[in-house]
């Protein structure tokens, strides 16, 4: 049966050894310990699969407790009806949460668009020439420092 080191798994799954140790601390994987004082972790094919399922759950956005419950079910037979029903329940709950997030994002984007439109209108009004003024006079007026009188036109001199 093949075994893996923490470095091999970290490289294979493009994660840090610290992440693998974290998943071990959370009870998602439990490698054998070998060497002096059990300092060397040895991962079996079973632990590699559990890590793979954990990372897949993270990509789906599941919480660690949801992942642990699903990964623990991995130990039971694959055609287990309770396992499949639980997985469908977790997926449905996650889908509902994502749909709600999408709805919230769409509402927020609509609010942002309304604020942008209102700001553009205000900016347009603020920079539009006033009655009897030319565009160049308006531009000059908007560029002057606050508290300073408008610059004299060369034509007036």
Protein backbone atom coordinates (compact mmCIF):
# COMPACT_ATOMS: atom_id res chain seq x y z
CA UNK A 1 0.00 0.00 0.00
CA UNK A 2 1.49 3.39 -0.97
CA UNK A 3 2.38 5.94 1.70
CA UNK A 4 3.04 9.66 1.44
CA UNK A 5 4.97 12.25 3.38
CA UNK A 6 3.51 15.61 4.35
CA UNK A 7 5.81 17.26 1.78
CA UNK A 8 4.60 14.99 -1.02
CA UNK A 9 0.94 15.69 -0.24
CA UNK A 10 1.55 19.42 0.11
CA UNK A 11 3.23 19.48 -3.29
CA UNK A 12 0.56 17.28 -4.93
CA UNK A 13 -2.36 19.38 -3.69
CA UNK A 14 -0.54 22.73 -3.84
CA UNK A 15 -1.09 23.52 -0.17
CA UNK A 16 1.30 24.12 2.71
CA UNK A 17 2.36 21.47 5.21
CA UNK A 18 0.87 23.79 7.85
CA UNK A 19 -2.55 23.46 6.16
CA UNK A 20 -2.24 19.67 6.29
CA UNK A 21 -1.32 19.83 10.00
CA UNK A 22 -4.35 22.11 10.55
CA UNK A 23 -6.66 19.53 8.94
CA UNK A 24 -5.04 16.93 11.17
CA UNK A 25 -5.72 19.10 14.25
CA UNK A 26 -9.36 19.36 13.13
CA UNK A 27 -9.65 15.57 13.00
CA UNK A 28 -10.14 15.41 9.24
CA UNK A 29 -7.04 13.27 8.70
CA UNK A 30 -4.95 11.20 11.10
CA UNK A 31 -1.61 9.98 9.77
CA UNK A 32 0.50 7.32 11.43
CA UNK A 33 3.49 8.55 13.40
CA UNK A 34 6.91 7.00 12.93
CA UNK A 35 10.49 7.72 13.90
CA UNK A 36 11.93 9.06 17.12
CA UNK A 37 9.12 10.34 19.29
CA UNK A 38 6.62 9.93 16.44
CA UNK A 39 7.83 13.10 14.73
CA UNK A 40 7.44 11.78 11.18
CA UNK A 41 3.93 11.71 9.73
CA UNK A 42 3.13 8.93 7.27
CA UNK A 43 -0.05 9.27 5.24
CA UNK A 44 -1.82 6.24 3.77
CA UNK A 45 -3.92 6.19 0.61
CA UNK A 46 -6.95 6.52 2.91
CA UNK A 47 -5.59 9.74 4.44
CA UNK A 48 -4.70 11.07 0.98
CA UNK A 49 -8.31 10.48 -0.11
CA UNK A 50 -9.67 12.16 3.03
CA UNK A 51 -7.43 15.17 2.35
CA UNK A 52 -8.61 15.28 -1.27
CA UNK A 53 -12.26 15.19 -0.13
CA UNK A 54 -11.53 17.92 2.45
CA UNK A 55 -10.03 20.19 -0.19
CA UNK A 56 -12.95 19.49 -2.53
CA UNK A 57 -15.36 20.49 0.25
CA UNK A 58 -13.43 23.71 0.85
CA UNK A 59 -13.66 24.55 -2.88
CA UNK A 60 -17.42 24.05 -2.63
CA UNK A 61 -17.46 26.49 0.29
CA UNK A 62 -18.49 23.99 2.94
CA UNK A 63 -17.58 24.57 6.57
CA UNK A 64 -15.02 22.32 8.26
CA UNK A 65 -17.74 20.69 10.37
CA UNK A 66 -19.78 19.91 7.25
CA UNK A 67 -16.68 18.54 5.55
CA UNK A 68 -15.80 16.41 8.59
CA UNK A 69 -19.28 14.93 8.72
CA UNK A 70 -19.16 14.10 5.00
CA UNK A 71 -15.60 12.76 5.08
CA UNK A 72 -16.46 10.60 8.08
CA UNK A 73 -19.31 9.12 6.03
CA UNK A 74 -16.67 8.17 3.44
CA UNK A 75 -15.73 5.33 5.80
CA UNK A 76 -19.13 3.69 5.26
CA UNK A 77 -20.02 1.78 2.07
CA UNK A 78 -20.27 3.99 -1.02
CA UNK A 79 -23.87 3.04 -1.79
CA UNK A 80 -25.00 4.01 1.69
CA UNK A 81 -28.41 5.66 1.44
CA UNK A 82 -27.95 7.78 4.61
CA UNK A 83 -24.59 9.04 3.31
CA UNK A 84 -26.09 10.10 -0.01
CA UNK A 85 -29.13 11.70 1.62
CA UNK A 86 -26.91 13.66 4.03
CA UNK A 87 -24.71 14.82 1.17
CA UNK A 88 -27.77 15.99 -0.79
CA UNK A 89 -29.03 17.87 2.28
CA UNK A 90 -25.68 19.64 2.76
CA UNK A 91 -25.51 20.53 -0.94
CA UNK A 92 -29.08 21.89 -0.91
CA UNK A 93 -28.34 24.04 2.15
CA UNK A 94 -25.18 25.33 0.54
CA UNK A 95 -27.01 26.07 -2.72
CA UNK A 96 -29.66 28.04 -0.78
CA UNK A 97 -26.96 30.09 0.95
CA UNK A 98 -25.24 30.84 -2.36
CA UNK A 99 -28.54 31.83 -4.01
CA UNK A 100 -29.21 34.24 -1.13
CA UNK A 101 -25.72 35.69 -1.49
CA UNK A 102 -26.27 36.14 -5.23
CA UNK A 103 -29.56 37.94 -4.56
CA UNK A 104 -27.86 40.19 -1.98
CA UNK A 105 -25.06 40.98 -4.43
CA UNK A 106 -27.54 41.86 -7.19
CA UNK A 107 -29.39 44.24 -4.85
CA UNK A 108 -26.12 45.86 -3.79
CA UNK A 109 -24.99 46.25 -7.41
CA UNK A 110 -28.30 47.90 -8.30
CA UNK A 111 -27.87 50.32 -5.38
CA UNK A 112 -24.32 51.11 -6.51
CA UNK A 113 -25.53 51.79 -10.05
CA UNK A 114 -28.19 54.18 -8.73
CA UNK A 115 -25.64 56.05 -6.61
CA UNK A 116 -23.22 56.26 -9.56
CA UNK A 117 -25.96 57.67 -11.80
CA UNK A 118 -26.93 60.24 -9.17
CA UNK A 119 -23.28 61.30 -8.72
CA UNK A 120 -22.81 61.64 -12.47
CA UNK A 121 -25.90 63.86 -12.72
CA UNK A 122 -24.68 66.06 -9.87
CA UNK A 123 -21.24 66.27 -11.44
CA UNK A 124 -22.77 67.14 -14.81
CA UNK A 125 -24.82 69.93 -13.22
CA UNK A 126 -21.84 71.24 -11.28
CA UNK A 127 -19.64 71.45 -14.38
CA UNK A 128 -22.28 72.62 -16.87
CA UNK A 129 -21.98 76.29 -18.01
CA UNK A 130 -24.31 78.65 -16.20
CA UNK A 131 -26.54 81.03 -18.13
CA UNK A 132 -24.45 83.53 -20.05
CA UNK A 133 -21.20 81.65 -19.37
CA UNK A 134 -19.05 79.82 -21.88
CA UNK A 135 -17.62 76.32 -21.34
CA UNK A 136 -14.07 77.67 -21.00
CA UNK A 137 -15.17 80.07 -18.24
CA UNK A 138 -16.89 77.19 -16.43
CA UNK A 139 -13.75 75.03 -16.66
CA UNK A 140 -11.60 77.86 -15.33
CA UNK A 141 -14.08 78.43 -12.50
CA UNK A 142 -13.98 74.75 -11.45
CA UNK A 143 -10.15 74.69 -11.48
CA UNK A 144 -9.56 77.73 -9.23
CA UNK A 145 -8.69 77.27 -5.60
CA UNK A 146 -11.46 77.78 -3.05
CA UNK A 147 -11.56 81.29 -1.64
CA UNK A 148 -9.73 82.87 -4.59
CA UNK A 149 -11.59 85.10 -7.03
CA UNK A 150 -11.92 83.86 -10.61
CA UNK A 151 -8.95 84.68 -12.86
CA UNK A 152 -9.39 87.68 -15.18
CA UNK A 153 -9.86 87.01 -18.81
CA UNK A 154 -7.11 88.34 -21.09
CA UNK A 155 -9.76 89.86 -23.34
CA UNK A 156 -10.93 92.13 -20.50
CA UNK A 157 -7.46 93.66 -19.98
